[in-house]
């Protein structure tokens, strides 16, 4: 690695990069963050260790030489950084190049952790979002803006700046926006503060845009809180009180309904300023992270739900069963696991084809939802296998009646690809608290054994674990 000759940003905490680095630290749960301008070899490090700057500079240079994101999960095992890291107690880092007009070369944004850490794709994406703002600020410095966040910051950095395009200085006028507003728009970020003496709220344009309110209108906390979902409002107020009491910062994602009626997820970063020993104000950043939550929900759906029927899959079922077994004794004793296997499904597939088989599975799913509408979970755990966790009657006769009603509903002929076709089902049932050894594996094994007993008993019937009665339906 080349010799490092990096100078510190003389503005320190007054630098316009400082709030951004604070955001990057909190967003990724890191100990420190740095931004490094390649052409001037100037570094700003924000974190708890003053002697971390040499390590930050060395790491940023390594990211620049690599030309793409770099993650070091443990500095102790990397000869390039081990000595410098040991001096300041940092153990891991991730950095991303910042784009300029010619490509990824304007500088580096990096965060550092005081424990070893495995970084994932989400970490790179979050750091990249902060990097969009950092890149805009670096371009401002390159074009000679003396105060990118203030009245002199009149650079015309278009929203296309994400791709590296920079439009030259423009005269002030009605269509001119400050660099801060433009950079905020890129990352959907706005700053806010609340005076704890007067209760007065102050927002930048970015926050107004997130809440879809006209910019600059007077707002009160009560009006804003009315836009929060109840659980988000409760958690935000709890963390806000704790921050005011302790002086510590906080980060949480909240759910809001904007003034236009749209639902959004917002990442709220808050900190407290103390003046003369008294808490003076709460301030921070708000960022629209709706797209991030939607991506997560899509991945969760793929991971936990069956795409054909829309029911939870085997993985989600196993989690739910384990959770049901931790319930109180009374609820567990009244809850049962039902395993259901279709009878005649293979013949349907062989005769009418897999399209008709898929249609049958969707209809059976709808029947289960209708008959067992109060079930805790209905899941598809295999080809034609379903698992249900639900409260069941304690009276054996009423339990038999419930199973009979379910099997009768499935037994009714279905219209599949213009043909009427009949399938049946076999059911095995095990009570969570009555007969099992108390583990998910034991309960499943009991219900599975009861299911096979039902199939051996002639199918289109049900059996209850440890119950030898025919229970024919």
Protein backbone atom coordinates (compact mmCIF):
# COMPACT_ATOMS: atom_id res chain seq x y z
CA UNK A 1 0.00 0.00 0.00
CA UNK A 2 1.29 3.49 -0.82
CA UNK A 3 2.55 6.05 1.67
CA UNK A 4 -0.33 7.83 3.39
CA UNK A 5 -0.14 11.60 3.70
CA UNK A 6 -3.57 12.62 4.91
CA UNK A 7 -4.49 15.87 6.58
CA UNK A 8 -7.40 16.27 8.98
CA UNK A 9 -10.41 18.39 8.09
CA UNK A 10 -9.76 21.58 10.11
CA UNK A 11 -13.48 22.20 10.60
CA UNK A 12 -13.83 19.14 12.84
CA UNK A 13 -17.34 18.82 14.28
CA UNK A 14 -18.31 22.02 12.43
CA UNK A 15 -17.75 20.30 9.10
CA UNK A 16 -20.88 19.78 7.00
CA UNK A 17 -19.85 16.12 6.83
CA UNK A 18 -20.12 15.63 10.61
CA UNK A 19 -23.93 15.09 10.75
CA UNK A 20 -23.68 12.69 7.83
CA UNK A 21 -20.96 10.65 9.55
CA UNK A 22 -23.07 10.55 12.70
CA UNK A 23 -25.97 9.20 10.62
CA UNK A 24 -23.73 6.58 8.99
CA UNK A 25 -22.46 5.44 12.39
CA UNK A 26 -25.93 5.05 13.82
CA UNK A 27 -27.46 3.51 10.73
CA UNK A 28 -24.90 0.72 10.74
CA UNK A 29 -24.43 0.50 14.52
CA UNK A 30 -20.74 1.45 14.21
CA UNK A 31 -18.22 3.02 16.58
CA UNK A 32 -16.84 5.59 14.15
CA UNK A 33 -17.09 6.86 10.59
CA UNK A 34 -14.81 8.68 8.18
CA UNK A 35 -15.04 10.47 4.86
CA UNK A 36 -11.87 10.85 2.81
CA UNK A 37 -11.47 13.16 -0.18
CA UNK A 38 -9.09 11.53 -2.58
CA UNK A 39 -7.76 14.55 -4.47
CA UNK A 40 -6.97 16.61 -1.37
CA UNK A 41 -6.17 13.54 0.75
CA UNK A 42 -8.25 15.18 3.51
CA UNK A 43 -9.90 13.03 6.18
CA UNK A 44 -12.67 13.68 8.69
CA UNK A 45 -13.15 11.01 11.35
CA UNK A 46 -16.05 11.08 13.80
CA UNK A 47 -15.96 8.60 16.66
CA UNK A 48 -14.85 7.92 20.19
CA UNK A 49 -11.14 7.35 19.54
CA UNK A 50 -9.02 10.33 18.47
CA UNK A 51 -6.10 8.10 17.47
CA UNK A 52 -8.31 6.15 15.05
CA UNK A 53 -7.63 8.64 12.23
CA UNK A 54 -4.42 6.92 11.01
CA UNK A 55 -6.29 3.64 10.72
CA UNK A 56 -9.23 5.36 9.01
CA UNK A 57 -6.88 6.97 6.50
CA UNK A 58 -5.12 3.68 5.76
CA UNK A 59 -8.41 1.86 5.29
CA UNK A 60 -9.84 4.57 3.02
CA UNK A 61 -6.73 4.44 0.82
CA UNK A 62 -7.14 0.66 0.55
CA UNK A 63 -10.78 1.09 -0.53
CA UNK A 64 -9.71 3.69 -3.12
CA UNK A 65 -7.04 1.37 -4.53
CA UNK A 66 -9.56 -1.46 -4.70
CA UNK A 67 -12.12 0.70 -6.49
CA UNK A 68 -15.15 -1.08 -5.03
CA UNK A 69 -16.60 -1.75 -1.55
CA UNK A 70 -14.19 -3.31 0.92
CA UNK A 71 -15.07 -5.03 4.20
CA UNK A 72 -12.60 -6.23 6.82
CA UNK A 73 -14.35 -8.45 9.35
CA UNK A 74 -11.43 -8.47 11.81
CA UNK A 75 -8.42 -6.17 11.58
CA UNK A 76 -6.46 -8.49 13.86
CA UNK A 77 -6.13 -10.96 10.99
CA UNK A 78 -5.16 -8.40 8.33
CA UNK A 79 -1.48 -7.42 8.25
CA UNK A 80 -2.28 -4.13 6.47
CA UNK A 81 -4.20 -2.74 9.42
CA UNK A 82 -3.54 -4.88 12.50
CA UNK A 83 -0.93 -2.60 14.11
CA UNK A 84 -2.89 0.64 13.67
CA UNK A 85 -6.15 -1.04 14.73
CA UNK A 86 -4.59 -2.37 17.93
CA UNK A 87 -3.65 1.17 18.99
CA UNK A 88 -7.21 2.47 18.85
CA UNK A 89 -9.19 -0.68 19.69
CA UNK A 90 -11.10 -0.94 16.41
CA UNK A 91 -11.68 -4.39 14.91
CA UNK A 92 -13.76 -4.17 11.71
CA UNK A 93 -14.71 -1.76 8.93
CA UNK A 94 -16.61 -1.40 5.68
CA UNK A 95 -16.04 1.31 3.08
CA UNK A 96 -17.54 2.35 -0.27
CA UNK A 97 -16.11 4.56 -3.05
CA UNK A 98 -18.03 7.76 -3.73
CA UNK A 99 -18.83 8.58 -7.37
CA UNK A 100 -17.65 11.69 -9.18
CA UNK A 101 -18.17 12.83 -12.76
CA UNK A 102 -15.60 10.32 -14.02
CA UNK A 103 -16.75 7.38 -11.94
CA UNK A 104 -16.01 6.04 -8.45
CA UNK A 105 -13.11 8.21 -7.43
CA UNK A 106 -14.25 11.30 -5.53
CA UNK A 107 -13.55 9.83 -2.15
CA UNK A 108 -14.42 7.16 0.38
CA UNK A 109 -17.07 6.77 3.07
CA UNK A 110 -16.30 4.18 5.75
CA UNK A 111 -17.57 3.04 9.14
CA UNK A 112 -15.59 1.28 11.85
CA UNK A 113 -16.62 -1.16 14.62
CA UNK A 114 -14.96 -2.00 17.93
CA UNK A 115 -15.82 -5.71 17.63
CA UNK A 116 -15.34 -8.19 14.76
CA UNK A 117 -18.32 -8.15 12.43
CA UNK A 118 -19.61 -9.89 9.33
CA UNK A 119 -20.99 -7.34 6.86
CA UNK A 120 -23.84 -8.18 4.50
CA UNK A 121 -25.40 -6.71 1.37
CA UNK A 122 -27.80 -4.62 3.46
CA UNK A 123 -24.84 -2.94 5.17
CA UNK A 124 -23.35 -1.99 1.80
CA UNK A 125 -26.70 -0.63 0.61
CA UNK A 126 -27.19 1.48 3.74
CA UNK A 127 -23.68 2.87 3.55
CA UNK A 128 -24.23 3.57 -0.15
CA UNK A 129 -27.34 5.63 0.69
CA UNK A 130 -25.29 7.79 3.03
CA UNK A 131 -22.61 7.90 0.34
CA UNK A 132 -25.05 9.61 -2.04
CA UNK A 133 -25.10 12.63 0.27
CA UNK A 134 -21.34 12.48 0.89
CA UNK A 135 -20.68 12.46 -2.86
CA UNK A 136 -22.79 15.58 -3.35
CA UNK A 137 -20.89 17.38 -0.57
CA UNK A 138 -17.54 16.36 -2.03
CA UNK A 139 -18.59 17.76 -5.38
CA UNK A 140 -19.51 20.99 -3.63
CA UNK A 141 -16.02 21.26 -2.16
CA UNK A 142 -14.49 20.47 -5.54
CA UNK A 143 -16.44 23.32 -7.15
CA UNK A 144 -15.49 25.82 -4.46
CA UNK A 145 -18.59 26.10 -2.32
CA UNK A 146 -17.54 27.78 0.92
CA UNK A 147 -20.60 26.78 2.94
CA UNK A 148 -22.44 23.89 1.30
CA UNK A 149 -25.14 23.84 3.99
CA UNK A 150 -25.62 27.59 4.22
CA UNK A 151 -26.68 30.58 2.20
CA UNK A 152 -23.59 30.47 -0.02
CA UNK A 153 -24.19 26.89 -1.10
CA UNK A 154 -25.90 27.56 -4.41
CA UNK A 155 -24.46 24.80 -6.56
CA UNK A 156 -26.80 23.33 -9.13
CA UNK A 157 -26.15 19.68 -8.31
CA UNK A 158 -29.04 18.06 -10.13
CA UNK A 159 -30.85 14.99 -8.88
CA UNK A 160 -28.98 13.17 -11.63
CA UNK A 161 -25.89 13.64 -9.44
CA UNK A 162 -26.29 10.05 -8.28
CA UNK A 163 -24.87 9.04 -11.64
CA UNK A 164 -22.02 11.52 -11.30
CA UNK A 165 -23.38 14.42 -13.37
CA UNK A 166 -22.56 17.87 -11.98
CA UNK A 167 -24.15 21.05 -13.28
CA UNK A 168 -22.11 24.22 -12.75
CA UNK A 169 -22.92 27.15 -10.45
CA UNK A 170 -26.22 28.89 -11.14
CA UNK A 171 -27.42 32.33 -10.06
CA UNK A 172 -29.73 32.53 -7.10
CA UNK A 173 -33.36 32.57 -8.06
CA UNK A 174 -36.75 31.00 -7.54
CA UNK A 175 -35.63 27.67 -9.01
CA UNK A 176 -32.43 27.45 -6.99
CA UNK A 177 -32.18 25.06 -4.06
CA UNK A 178 -29.39 24.72 -1.53
CA UNK A 179 -26.96 21.86 -1.88
CA UNK A 180 -28.23 20.47 1.40
CA UNK A 181 -31.76 20.23 0.01
CA UNK A 182 -30.51 18.54 -3.14
CA UNK A 183 -28.33 16.09 -1.27
CA UNK A 184 -31.17 15.39 1.16
CA UNK A 185 -33.52 14.68 -1.72
CA UNK A 186 -31.11 12.06 -3.06
CA UNK A 187 -31.13 10.13 0.21
CA UNK A 188 -34.68 11.15 1.27
CA UNK A 189 -33.29 12.67 4.46
CA UNK A 190 -34.30 15.70 6.47
CA UNK A 191 -33.14 17.27 9.73
CA UNK A 192 -35.38 18.15 12.69
CA UNK A 193 -35.14 19.61 16.16
CA UNK A 194 -37.45 20.23 19.09
CA UNK A 195 -36.81 22.96 21.65
CA UNK A 196 -37.48 21.35 25.04
CA UNK A 197 -38.32 24.68 26.66
CA UNK A 198 -40.85 25.98 24.16
CA UNK A 199 -41.79 22.74 22.40
CA UNK A 200 -41.15 24.44 19.05
CA UNK A 201 -40.43 22.11 16.14
CA UNK A 202 -38.07 22.98 13.29
CA UNK A 203 -37.85 20.91 10.12
CA UNK A 204 -35.84 21.11 6.92
CA UNK A 205 -37.64 20.64 3.62
CA UNK A 206 -36.71 16.96 3.55
CA UNK A 207 -38.86 16.17 6.60
CA UNK A 208 -41.83 18.09 5.18
CA UNK A 209 -41.47 16.04 2.00
CA UNK A 210 -41.38 12.75 3.93
CA UNK A 211 -44.63 13.64 5.75
CA UNK A 212 -46.09 15.10 2.51
CA UNK A 213 -46.83 18.44 4.16
CA UNK A 214 -46.44 21.86 2.54
CA UNK A 215 -42.93 23.11 3.18
CA UNK A 216 -42.54 25.76 5.85
CA UNK A 217 -45.98 25.51 7.47
CA UNK A 218 -46.16 25.78 11.25
CA UNK A 219 -46.38 22.37 12.92
CA UNK A 220 -46.84 21.08 16.45
CA UNK A 221 -45.75 17.82 18.06
CA UNK A 222 -49.37 16.85 18.56
CA UNK A 223 -50.11 17.23 14.85
CA UNK A 224 -47.07 15.19 13.89
CA UNK A 225 -47.71 12.43 16.44
CA UNK A 226 -51.22 12.02 15.04
CA UNK A 227 -49.56 10.80 11.82
CA UNK A 228 -47.67 8.01 13.65
CA UNK A 229 -49.10 4.53 13.93
CA UNK A 230 -49.97 3.82 17.54
CA UNK A 231 -47.20 1.30 18.23
CA UNK A 232 -44.59 3.53 16.59
CA UNK A 233 -45.77 6.56 18.57
CA UNK A 234 -45.59 4.63 21.83
CA UNK A 235 -42.05 3.34 21.14
CA UNK A 236 -40.80 6.72 19.92
CA UNK A 237 -42.09 8.47 23.04
CA UNK A 238 -40.48 5.82 25.23
CA UNK A 239 -37.08 6.20 23.58
CA UNK A 240 -37.37 9.99 23.53
CA UNK A 241 -38.01 10.09 27.29
CA UNK A 242 -35.10 7.77 27.93
CA UNK A 243 -32.81 9.89 25.76
CA UNK A 244 -33.78 13.08 27.60
CA UNK A 245 -33.18 11.39 30.95
CA UNK A 246 -29.84 9.83 30.01
CA UNK A 247 -28.54 12.21 27.36
CA UNK A 248 -27.97 9.26 25.02
CA UNK A 249 -28.89 9.08 21.35
CA UNK A 250 -31.40 6.69 19.78
CA UNK A 251 -32.32 5.20 16.41
CA UNK A 252 -35.57 3.48 15.48
CA UNK A 253 -37.80 2.87 12.49
CA UNK A 254 -41.32 4.22 12.77
CA UNK A 255 -44.43 3.78 10.65
CA UNK A 256 -46.43 6.83 9.64
CA UNK A 257 -49.47 7.73 7.59
CA UNK A 258 -48.61 10.92 5.72
CA UNK A 259 -50.85 13.95 5.35
CA UNK A 260 -51.78 12.53 1.92
CA UNK A 261 -52.76 9.18 3.43
CA UNK A 262 -49.75 7.19 2.25
CA UNK A 263 -48.05 4.72 4.60
CA UNK A 264 -44.28 5.06 5.00
CA UNK A 265 -41.45 3.74 7.12
CA UNK A 266 -39.15 6.43 8.51
CA UNK A 267 -35.78 5.92 10.21
CA UNK A 268 -35.66 8.38 13.11
CA UNK A 269 -32.26 9.34 14.53
CA UNK A 270 -32.31 11.43 17.69
CA UNK A 271 -29.81 13.04 20.02
CA UNK A 272 -30.01 15.43 22.96
CA UNK A 273 -28.14 18.72 23.46
CA UNK A 274 -27.32 19.77 27.01
CA UNK A 275 -26.65 23.42 27.85
CA UNK A 276 -25.47 24.48 31.31
CA UNK A 277 -26.41 21.10 32.73
CA UNK A 278 -29.97 21.16 31.35
CA UNK A 279 -31.44 19.34 28.36
CA UNK A 280 -32.02 22.09 25.82
CA UNK A 281 -33.22 20.34 22.68
CA UNK A 282 -33.75 17.04 20.91
CA UNK A 283 -32.58 16.92 17.33
CA UNK A 284 -31.65 14.50 14.59
CA UNK A 285 -32.47 13.15 11.15
CA UNK A 286 -35.44 11.46 9.52
CA UNK A 287 -35.03 9.28 6.44
CA UNK A 288 -37.65 7.64 4.27
CA UNK A 289 -36.74 3.92 4.37
CA UNK A 290 -40.01 2.61 2.91
CA UNK A 291 -38.23 0.94 -0.01
CA UNK A 292 -35.85 -0.82 2.37
CA UNK A 293 -38.75 -2.22 4.41
CA UNK A 294 -40.55 -3.28 1.24
CA UNK A 295 -37.45 -5.15 0.06
CA UNK A 296 -37.19 -6.83 3.45
CA UNK A 297 -40.88 -7.78 3.37
CA UNK A 298 -40.47 -9.26 -0.09
CA UNK A 299 -37.52 -11.35 1.09
CA UNK A 300 -39.44 -12.39 4.21
CA UNK A 301 -42.41 -13.42 2.08
CA UNK A 302 -40.17 -15.51 -0.16
CA UNK A 303 -38.56 -17.09 2.89
CA UNK A 304 -41.70 -17.78 4.93
CA UNK A 305 -44.66 -18.17 2.56
CA UNK A 306 -45.67 -20.69 -0.07
CA UNK A 307 -46.02 -18.83 -3.40
CA UNK A 308 -48.75 -21.16 -4.73
CA UNK A 309 -51.26 -20.94 -1.87
CA UNK A 310 -50.08 -17.86 0.02
CA UNK A 311 -49.98 -19.91 3.22
CA UNK A 312 -46.98 -19.92 5.56
CA UNK A 313 -44.40 -22.55 4.60
CA UNK A 314 -42.71 -25.27 6.65
CA UNK A 315 -40.07 -22.92 8.03
CA UNK A 316 -42.68 -20.46 9.32
CA UNK A 317 -44.74 -23.34 10.72
CA UNK A 318 -41.80 -24.70 12.71
CA UNK A 319 -41.25 -21.28 14.25
CA UNK A 320 -44.95 -20.97 15.12
CA UNK A 321 -45.09 -24.44 16.67
CA UNK A 322 -42.08 -23.70 18.87
CA UNK A 323 -43.76 -20.46 19.93
CA UNK A 324 -47.05 -22.19 20.71
CA UNK A 325 -45.24 -24.59 23.03
CA UNK A 326 -44.00 -21.66 25.12
CA UNK A 327 -47.55 -20.47 25.81
CA UNK A 328 -49.12 -20.79 29.24
CA UNK A 329 -50.32 -24.19 30.45
CA UNK A 330 -54.02 -23.43 29.97
CA UNK A 331 -53.66 -22.22 26.40
CA UNK A 332 -51.24 -25.01 25.47
CA UNK A 333 -53.62 -27.67 26.83
CA UNK A 334 -56.44 -26.30 24.63
CA UNK A 335 -54.27 -26.08 21.49
CA UNK A 336 -53.62 -28.88 19.03
CA UNK A 337 -51.52 -29.60 15.97
CA UNK A 338 -53.43 -31.05 13.01
CA UNK A 339 -51.54 -32.64 10.13
CA UNK A 340 -53.66 -33.03 6.99
CA UNK A 341 -52.75 -35.04 3.90
CA UNK A 342 -54.93 -35.11 0.77
CA UNK A 343 -56.26 -38.47 -0.46
CA UNK A 344 -56.43 -39.02 -4.22
CA UNK A 345 -54.20 -36.05 -5.07
CA UNK A 346 -51.69 -38.10 -7.09
CA UNK A 347 -54.47 -39.52 -9.24
CA UNK A 348 -55.74 -35.98 -9.87
CA UNK A 349 -52.30 -34.85 -11.02
CA UNK A 350 -51.85 -37.90 -13.23
CA UNK A 351 -55.28 -37.50 -14.84
CA UNK A 352 -55.82 -33.75 -15.22
CA UNK A 353 -52.27 -32.48 -14.95
CA UNK A 354 -50.33 -30.31 -12.52
CA UNK A 355 -52.29 -27.18 -13.38
CA UNK A 356 -55.44 -28.80 -12.00
CA UNK A 357 -53.42 -30.06 -9.02
CA UNK A 358 -52.28 -26.51 -8.25
CA UNK A 359 -55.87 -25.26 -8.50
CA UNK A 360 -56.95 -28.00 -6.08
CA UNK A 361 -54.29 -26.98 -3.54
CA UNK A 362 -55.47 -23.37 -3.73
CA UNK A 363 -59.09 -24.43 -3.17
CA UNK A 364 -58.14 -26.63 -0.21
CA UNK A 365 -56.22 -23.69 1.26
CA UNK A 366 -59.34 -21.54 1.00
CA UNK A 367 -61.42 -24.29 2.67
CA UNK A 368 -58.99 -24.52 5.58
CA UNK A 369 -59.08 -20.76 6.06
CA UNK A 370 -62.89 -20.77 6.04
CA UNK A 371 -63.53 -23.74 8.32
CA UNK A 372 -60.65 -22.97 10.72
CA UNK A 373 -60.89 -19.20 10.53
CA UNK A 374 -59.68 -18.78 14.15
CA UNK A 375 -56.59 -20.96 13.71
CA UNK A 376 -53.26 -19.58 14.93
CA UNK A 377 -51.57 -20.88 11.77
CA UNK A 378 -52.47 -22.80 8.63
CA UNK A 379 -49.36 -23.80 6.67
CA UNK A 380 -48.51 -25.83 3.60
CA UNK A 381 -45.53 -27.94 4.64
CA UNK A 382 -45.20 -30.26 1.62
CA UNK A 383 -46.70 -31.17 -1.73
CA UNK A 384 -50.22 -31.98 -0.52
CA UNK A 385 -49.53 -31.73 3.22
CA UNK A 386 -50.89 -29.05 5.50
CA UNK A 387 -50.29 -28.27 9.18
CA UNK A 388 -52.70 -26.35 11.40
CA UNK A 389 -52.10 -24.96 14.89
CA UNK A 390 -55.43 -24.11 16.46
CA UNK A 391 -57.43 -24.20 19.67
CA UNK A 392 -59.74 -27.20 19.77
CA UNK A 393 -62.69 -28.25 21.98
CA UNK A 394 -61.84 -30.22 25.12
CA UNK A 395 -64.98 -32.34 24.69
CA UNK A 396 -64.02 -35.33 22.46
CA UNK A 397 -67.41 -35.30 20.74
CA UNK A 398 -67.10 -31.66 19.78
CA UNK A 399 -63.55 -32.30 18.57
CA UNK A 400 -64.77 -35.20 16.41
CA UNK A 401 -67.48 -32.89 15.01
CA UNK A 402 -64.89 -30.25 14.10
CA UNK A 403 -62.75 -32.78 12.21
CA UNK A 404 -65.84 -34.21 10.50
CA UNK A 405 -66.90 -30.74 9.33
CA UNK A 406 -63.40 -30.09 7.94
CA UNK A 407 -63.22 -33.38 6.05
CA UNK A 408 -66.74 -32.94 4.67
CA UNK A 409 -65.84 -29.53 3.28
CA UNK A 410 -62.77 -30.94 1.51
CA UNK A 411 -64.75 -33.94 0.23
CA UNK A 412 -67.16 -31.79 -1.79
CA UNK A 413 -66.46 -32.05 -5.56
CA UNK A 414 -64.32 -29.24 -6.97
CA UNK A 415 -64.48 -27.75 -10.44
CA UNK A 416 -60.98 -28.08 -11.90
CA UNK A 417 -60.28 -27.13 -15.53
CA UNK A 418 -63.94 -27.66 -16.37
CA UNK A 419 -64.07 -31.05 -14.64
CA UNK A 420 -65.71 -32.02 -11.36
CA UNK A 421 -63.24 -33.86 -9.18
CA UNK A 422 -63.38 -35.17 -5.64
CA UNK A 423 -60.48 -35.55 -3.22
CA UNK A 424 -60.49 -36.49 0.41
CA UNK A 425 -58.18 -35.97 3.35
CA UNK A 426 -56.74 -37.76 6.34
CA UNK A 427 -56.03 -35.91 9.58
CA UNK A 428 -53.78 -36.68 12.53
CA UNK A 429 -54.14 -34.60 15.69
CA UNK A 430 -51.97 -34.15 18.79
CA UNK A 431 -52.77 -31.85 21.70
CA UNK A 432 -49.81 -29.65 22.61
CA UNK A 433 -50.17 -30.08 26.34
CA UNK A 434 -51.92 -33.40 26.91
CA UNK A 435 -49.90 -36.18 25.27
CA UNK A 436 -46.60 -34.73 24.11
CA UNK A 437 -43.18 -34.59 25.69
CA UNK A 438 -43.31 -30.82 25.32
CA UNK A 439 -40.99 -30.36 22.33
CA UNK A 440 -41.90 -29.41 18.77
CA UNK A 441 -40.34 -32.62 17.47
CA UNK A 442 -42.37 -34.75 19.90
CA UNK A 443 -45.67 -33.03 19.09
CA UNK A 444 -45.05 -33.35 15.35
CA UNK A 445 -44.12 -37.01 15.69
CA UNK A 446 -47.34 -37.72 17.60
CA UNK A 447 -49.51 -35.93 15.05
CA UNK A 448 -47.65 -37.65 12.20
CA UNK A 449 -48.21 -41.06 13.76
CA UNK A 450 -51.92 -40.25 14.16
CA UNK A 451 -52.05 -39.18 10.49
CA UNK A 452 -50.65 -42.49 9.30
CA UNK A 453 -53.08 -44.32 11.58
CA UNK A 454 -55.90 -42.45 9.84
CA UNK A 455 -54.55 -43.50 6.42
CA UNK A 456 -54.28 -47.11 7.53
CA UNK A 457 -57.83 -46.84 8.84
CA UNK A 458 -59.22 -46.28 5.37
CA UNK A 459 -58.45 -42.60 4.68
CA UNK A 460 -61.02 -39.78 4.69
CA UNK A 461 -60.94 -39.97 8.49
CA UNK A 462 -59.08 -38.62 11.47
CA UNK A 463 -57.18 -39.99 14.44
CA UNK A 464 -56.13 -38.38 17.69
CA UNK A 465 -52.74 -39.19 19.19
CA UNK A 466 -52.98 -41.91 21.88
CA UNK A 467 -56.65 -42.35 21.04
CA UNK A 468 -57.41 -45.77 19.63
CA UNK A 469 -61.06 -45.09 18.85
CA UNK A 470 -62.03 -45.36 15.16
CA UNK A 471 -63.38 -41.78 14.94
CA UNK A 472 -64.58 -42.55 11.41
CA UNK A 473 -66.13 -39.65 9.51
